[in-house]
N, C-alpha and C. Protein backbone atom coordinates (compact mmCIF):
# COMPACT_ATOMS: atom_id res chain seq x y z
N MET A 1 192.81 5.60 210.53
CA MET A 1 192.60 6.57 209.47
C MET A 1 191.76 5.93 208.37
N ASN A 2 190.74 6.62 207.94
CA ASN A 2 189.85 6.11 206.91
C ASN A 2 190.26 6.67 205.55
N ASN A 3 190.76 5.80 204.68
CA ASN A 3 191.18 6.22 203.35
C ASN A 3 190.20 5.76 202.28
N GLU A 4 188.92 5.68 202.64
CA GLU A 4 187.93 5.27 201.67
C GLU A 4 187.80 6.35 200.61
N ILE A 5 187.83 5.92 199.35
CA ILE A 5 187.76 6.85 198.23
C ILE A 5 186.40 6.68 197.56
N ASN A 6 185.58 7.73 197.66
CA ASN A 6 184.25 7.68 197.07
C ASN A 6 184.07 8.62 195.90
N SER A 7 185.07 9.48 195.68
CA SER A 7 184.93 10.47 194.61
C SER A 7 186.31 10.92 194.15
N LEU A 8 186.34 11.63 193.03
CA LEU A 8 187.60 12.21 192.57
C LEU A 8 188.14 13.22 193.58
N LYS A 9 187.24 13.92 194.25
CA LYS A 9 187.67 14.88 195.28
C LYS A 9 188.39 14.15 196.41
N ASP A 10 187.87 13.00 196.84
CA ASP A 10 188.53 12.21 197.87
C ASP A 10 189.92 11.77 197.41
N LEU A 11 190.01 11.32 196.16
CA LEU A 11 191.29 10.88 195.62
C LEU A 11 192.27 12.05 195.54
N TYR A 12 191.80 13.19 195.07
CA TYR A 12 192.64 14.40 195.01
C TYR A 12 193.19 14.72 196.39
N ASN A 13 192.32 14.73 197.39
CA ASN A 13 192.75 15.06 198.74
C ASN A 13 193.75 14.05 199.29
N LEU A 14 193.57 12.80 198.96
CA LEU A 14 194.50 11.76 199.39
C LEU A 14 195.87 11.93 198.74
N LEU A 15 195.88 12.39 197.50
CA LEU A 15 197.13 12.58 196.75
C LEU A 15 197.72 13.97 196.92
N LEU A 16 197.05 14.83 197.66
CA LEU A 16 197.49 16.22 197.81
C LEU A 16 198.93 16.36 198.32
N PRO A 17 199.40 15.56 199.26
CA PRO A 17 200.81 15.70 199.68
C PRO A 17 201.79 15.50 198.52
N ALA A 18 201.54 14.55 197.64
CA ALA A 18 202.41 14.33 196.48
C ALA A 18 202.27 15.49 195.49
N LEU A 19 201.07 15.98 195.30
CA LEU A 19 200.85 17.11 194.40
C LEU A 19 201.56 18.37 194.92
N LYS A 20 201.52 18.58 196.24
CA LYS A 20 202.21 19.73 196.83
C LYS A 20 203.72 19.60 196.65
N SER A 21 204.22 18.40 196.83
CA SER A 21 205.66 18.17 196.66
C SER A 21 206.08 18.47 195.22
N LYS A 22 205.30 18.02 194.25
CA LYS A 22 205.59 18.28 192.85
C LYS A 22 205.52 19.77 192.54
N ARG A 23 204.51 20.46 193.10
CA ARG A 23 204.39 21.90 192.89
C ARG A 23 205.61 22.64 193.45
N ARG A 24 206.06 22.25 194.64
CA ARG A 24 207.25 22.89 195.22
C ARG A 24 208.47 22.66 194.33
N GLU A 25 208.62 21.45 193.83
CA GLU A 25 209.72 21.14 192.92
C GLU A 25 209.64 22.02 191.67
N MET A 26 208.46 22.10 191.08
CA MET A 26 208.29 22.89 189.86
C MET A 26 208.49 24.38 190.12
N ASN A 27 207.99 24.86 191.26
CA ASN A 27 208.17 26.28 191.60
C ASN A 27 209.65 26.61 191.76
N SER A 28 210.43 25.69 192.32
CA SER A 28 211.87 25.93 192.47
C SER A 28 212.59 25.94 191.13
N LEU A 29 211.97 25.35 190.12
CA LEU A 29 212.53 25.33 188.77
C LEU A 29 211.93 26.43 187.89
N LYS A 30 211.31 27.41 188.53
CA LYS A 30 210.75 28.60 187.88
C LYS A 30 209.42 28.39 187.17
N TYR A 31 208.75 27.29 187.45
CA TYR A 31 207.39 27.09 186.95
C TYR A 31 206.43 27.63 188.03
N THR A 32 206.53 28.91 188.32
CA THR A 32 205.80 29.49 189.44
C THR A 32 204.29 29.59 189.19
N TYR A 33 203.88 29.43 187.97
CA TYR A 33 202.46 29.53 187.61
C TYR A 33 201.72 28.20 187.76
N VAL A 34 202.43 27.13 188.08
CA VAL A 34 201.82 25.80 188.18
C VAL A 34 201.30 25.58 189.61
N LYS A 35 200.05 25.16 189.70
CA LYS A 35 199.42 24.87 190.99
C LYS A 35 199.11 23.37 191.09
N GLU A 36 198.77 22.92 192.28
CA GLU A 36 198.46 21.50 192.49
C GLU A 36 197.35 21.02 191.55
N ILE A 37 196.32 21.83 191.40
CA ILE A 37 195.20 21.43 190.54
C ILE A 37 195.63 21.28 189.09
N ASP A 38 196.61 22.07 188.66
CA ASP A 38 197.12 21.96 187.29
C ASP A 38 197.83 20.63 187.08
N ILE A 39 198.64 20.25 188.07
CA ILE A 39 199.35 18.96 187.99
C ILE A 39 198.33 17.83 187.97
N TRP A 40 197.35 17.90 188.84
CA TRP A 40 196.27 16.91 188.91
C TRP A 40 195.57 16.78 187.56
N ASN A 41 195.17 17.92 186.99
CA ASN A 41 194.45 17.88 185.71
C ASN A 41 195.31 17.32 184.59
N TYR A 42 196.57 17.71 184.52
CA TYR A 42 197.45 17.18 183.47
C TYR A 42 197.56 15.67 183.58
N ILE A 43 197.85 15.18 184.76
CA ILE A 43 198.07 13.74 184.92
C ILE A 43 196.77 12.97 184.72
N LYS A 44 195.68 13.51 185.23
CA LYS A 44 194.37 12.87 185.07
C LYS A 44 193.99 12.75 183.59
N GLU A 45 194.25 13.83 182.83
CA GLU A 45 193.86 13.86 181.42
C GLU A 45 194.85 13.16 180.50
N ASN A 46 196.13 13.14 180.85
CA ASN A 46 197.15 12.66 179.92
C ASN A 46 197.86 11.37 180.34
N ILE A 47 197.88 11.07 181.60
CA ILE A 47 198.58 9.87 182.07
C ILE A 47 197.59 8.78 182.47
N TRP A 48 196.58 9.15 183.21
CA TRP A 48 195.64 8.16 183.76
C TRP A 48 194.39 7.95 182.94
N GLN A 49 194.20 8.68 181.88
CA GLN A 49 192.93 8.66 181.15
C GLN A 49 192.46 7.25 180.78
N ASN A 50 193.35 6.43 180.30
CA ASN A 50 192.95 5.08 179.88
C ASN A 50 193.50 3.99 180.79
N SER A 51 193.91 4.37 182.00
CA SER A 51 194.49 3.41 182.93
C SER A 51 193.42 2.75 183.78
N THR A 52 193.71 1.53 184.19
CA THR A 52 192.82 0.81 185.10
C THR A 52 193.66 0.17 186.20
N ASN A 53 193.03 -0.06 187.32
CA ASN A 53 193.64 -0.75 188.45
C ASN A 53 194.92 -0.10 188.96
N LEU A 54 194.97 1.23 188.93
CA LEU A 54 196.13 1.93 189.48
C LEU A 54 196.11 1.86 191.00
N THR A 55 197.26 1.65 191.59
CA THR A 55 197.37 1.71 193.04
C THR A 55 197.72 3.14 193.44
N LEU A 56 197.55 3.46 194.71
CA LEU A 56 197.96 4.79 195.18
C LEU A 56 199.45 4.99 194.95
N GLY A 57 200.23 3.93 195.13
CA GLY A 57 201.67 4.01 194.87
C GLY A 57 201.97 4.36 193.42
N ASP A 58 201.23 3.76 192.49
CA ASP A 58 201.39 4.09 191.07
C ASP A 58 201.08 5.56 190.82
N MET A 59 200.01 6.04 191.43
CA MET A 59 199.60 7.42 191.22
C MET A 59 200.62 8.40 191.79
N VAL A 60 201.10 8.13 192.99
CA VAL A 60 202.12 9.00 193.59
C VAL A 60 203.36 9.01 192.72
N SER A 61 203.76 7.84 192.24
CA SER A 61 204.93 7.74 191.36
C SER A 61 204.73 8.56 190.10
N ASP A 62 203.55 8.47 189.50
CA ASP A 62 203.25 9.25 188.30
C ASP A 62 203.34 10.74 188.59
N ILE A 63 202.80 11.17 189.72
CA ILE A 63 202.84 12.59 190.08
C ILE A 63 204.28 13.06 190.22
N LEU A 64 205.07 12.33 190.96
CA LEU A 64 206.43 12.76 191.26
C LEU A 64 207.38 12.63 190.08
N ASN A 65 207.08 11.74 189.15
CA ASN A 65 208.02 11.45 188.07
C ASN A 65 207.61 11.97 186.70
N THR A 66 206.47 12.61 186.59
CA THR A 66 206.07 13.18 185.30
C THR A 66 206.98 14.36 184.98
N ASP A 67 207.38 14.45 183.73
CA ASP A 67 208.31 15.49 183.29
C ASP A 67 207.74 16.88 183.54
N ASN A 68 208.53 17.70 184.21
CA ASN A 68 208.10 19.06 184.54
C ASN A 68 207.78 19.89 183.31
N ASP A 69 208.55 19.71 182.24
CA ASP A 69 208.30 20.47 181.01
C ASP A 69 206.94 20.13 180.40
N LEU A 70 206.53 18.88 180.50
CA LEU A 70 205.22 18.48 179.97
C LEU A 70 204.10 19.17 180.74
N ILE A 71 204.20 19.15 182.05
CA ILE A 71 203.19 19.81 182.88
C ILE A 71 203.21 21.31 182.64
N GLY A 72 204.40 21.91 182.63
CA GLY A 72 204.53 23.35 182.41
C GLY A 72 203.95 23.78 181.08
N GLY A 73 204.21 23.01 180.03
CA GLY A 73 203.66 23.31 178.71
C GLY A 73 202.15 23.20 178.68
N TYR A 74 201.63 22.18 179.34
CA TYR A 74 200.18 21.99 179.43
C TYR A 74 199.52 23.20 180.10
N VAL A 75 200.09 23.62 181.22
CA VAL A 75 199.52 24.75 181.96
C VAL A 75 199.63 26.03 181.15
N ALA A 76 200.74 26.24 180.49
CA ALA A 76 200.91 27.44 179.65
C ALA A 76 199.86 27.46 178.54
N ARG A 77 199.60 26.30 177.93
CA ARG A 77 198.56 26.23 176.89
C ARG A 77 197.18 26.53 177.46
N GLN A 78 196.91 26.02 178.66
CA GLN A 78 195.62 26.28 179.31
C GLN A 78 195.44 27.78 179.57
N ILE A 79 196.50 28.43 180.02
CA ILE A 79 196.44 29.87 180.29
C ILE A 79 196.21 30.64 178.99
N THR A 80 196.94 30.26 177.94
CA THR A 80 196.79 30.93 176.65
C THR A 80 195.37 30.75 176.10
N GLU A 81 194.85 29.52 176.18
CA GLU A 81 193.49 29.26 175.70
C GLU A 81 192.46 30.05 176.50
N SER A 82 192.66 30.14 177.78
CA SER A 82 191.74 30.89 178.64
C SER A 82 191.73 32.36 178.25
N ARG A 83 192.91 32.91 178.02
CA ARG A 83 193.00 34.33 177.63
C ARG A 83 192.39 34.56 176.26
N THR A 84 192.60 33.62 175.35
CA THR A 84 192.04 33.73 174.00
C THR A 84 190.51 33.71 174.08
N ASN A 85 189.98 32.80 174.88
CA ASN A 85 188.53 32.70 175.03
C ASN A 85 187.93 33.96 175.63
N LEU A 86 188.64 34.59 176.55
CA LEU A 86 188.15 35.84 177.15
C LEU A 86 188.09 36.96 176.12
N HIS A 87 189.06 37.00 175.23
CA HIS A 87 189.10 38.04 174.21
C HIS A 87 188.06 37.82 173.11
N GLU A 88 187.63 36.58 172.94
CA GLU A 88 186.65 36.28 171.90
C GLU A 88 185.22 36.56 172.35
N GLU A 89 185.01 36.65 173.66
CA GLU A 89 183.64 36.84 174.16
C GLU A 89 183.18 38.27 174.07
């Protein structure tokens, strides 16, 4: 199996099983509006932004252990901002 990572898309796809697991966990806790890409964006922007030399194990751990309320709040804010921007145009 070739796990060469050449882009963020490759990394996303490699981490997709962990992202799906987190989404299923969050959906069972009534965060039904959260998708894998939302979890990815939250962690990328808020957890990994200034990190260096992360291993895949570190990233999987971050995905699975990030507080659901933090991700849920982030996604809710993104939805609200998106709706606000639509109304302003």
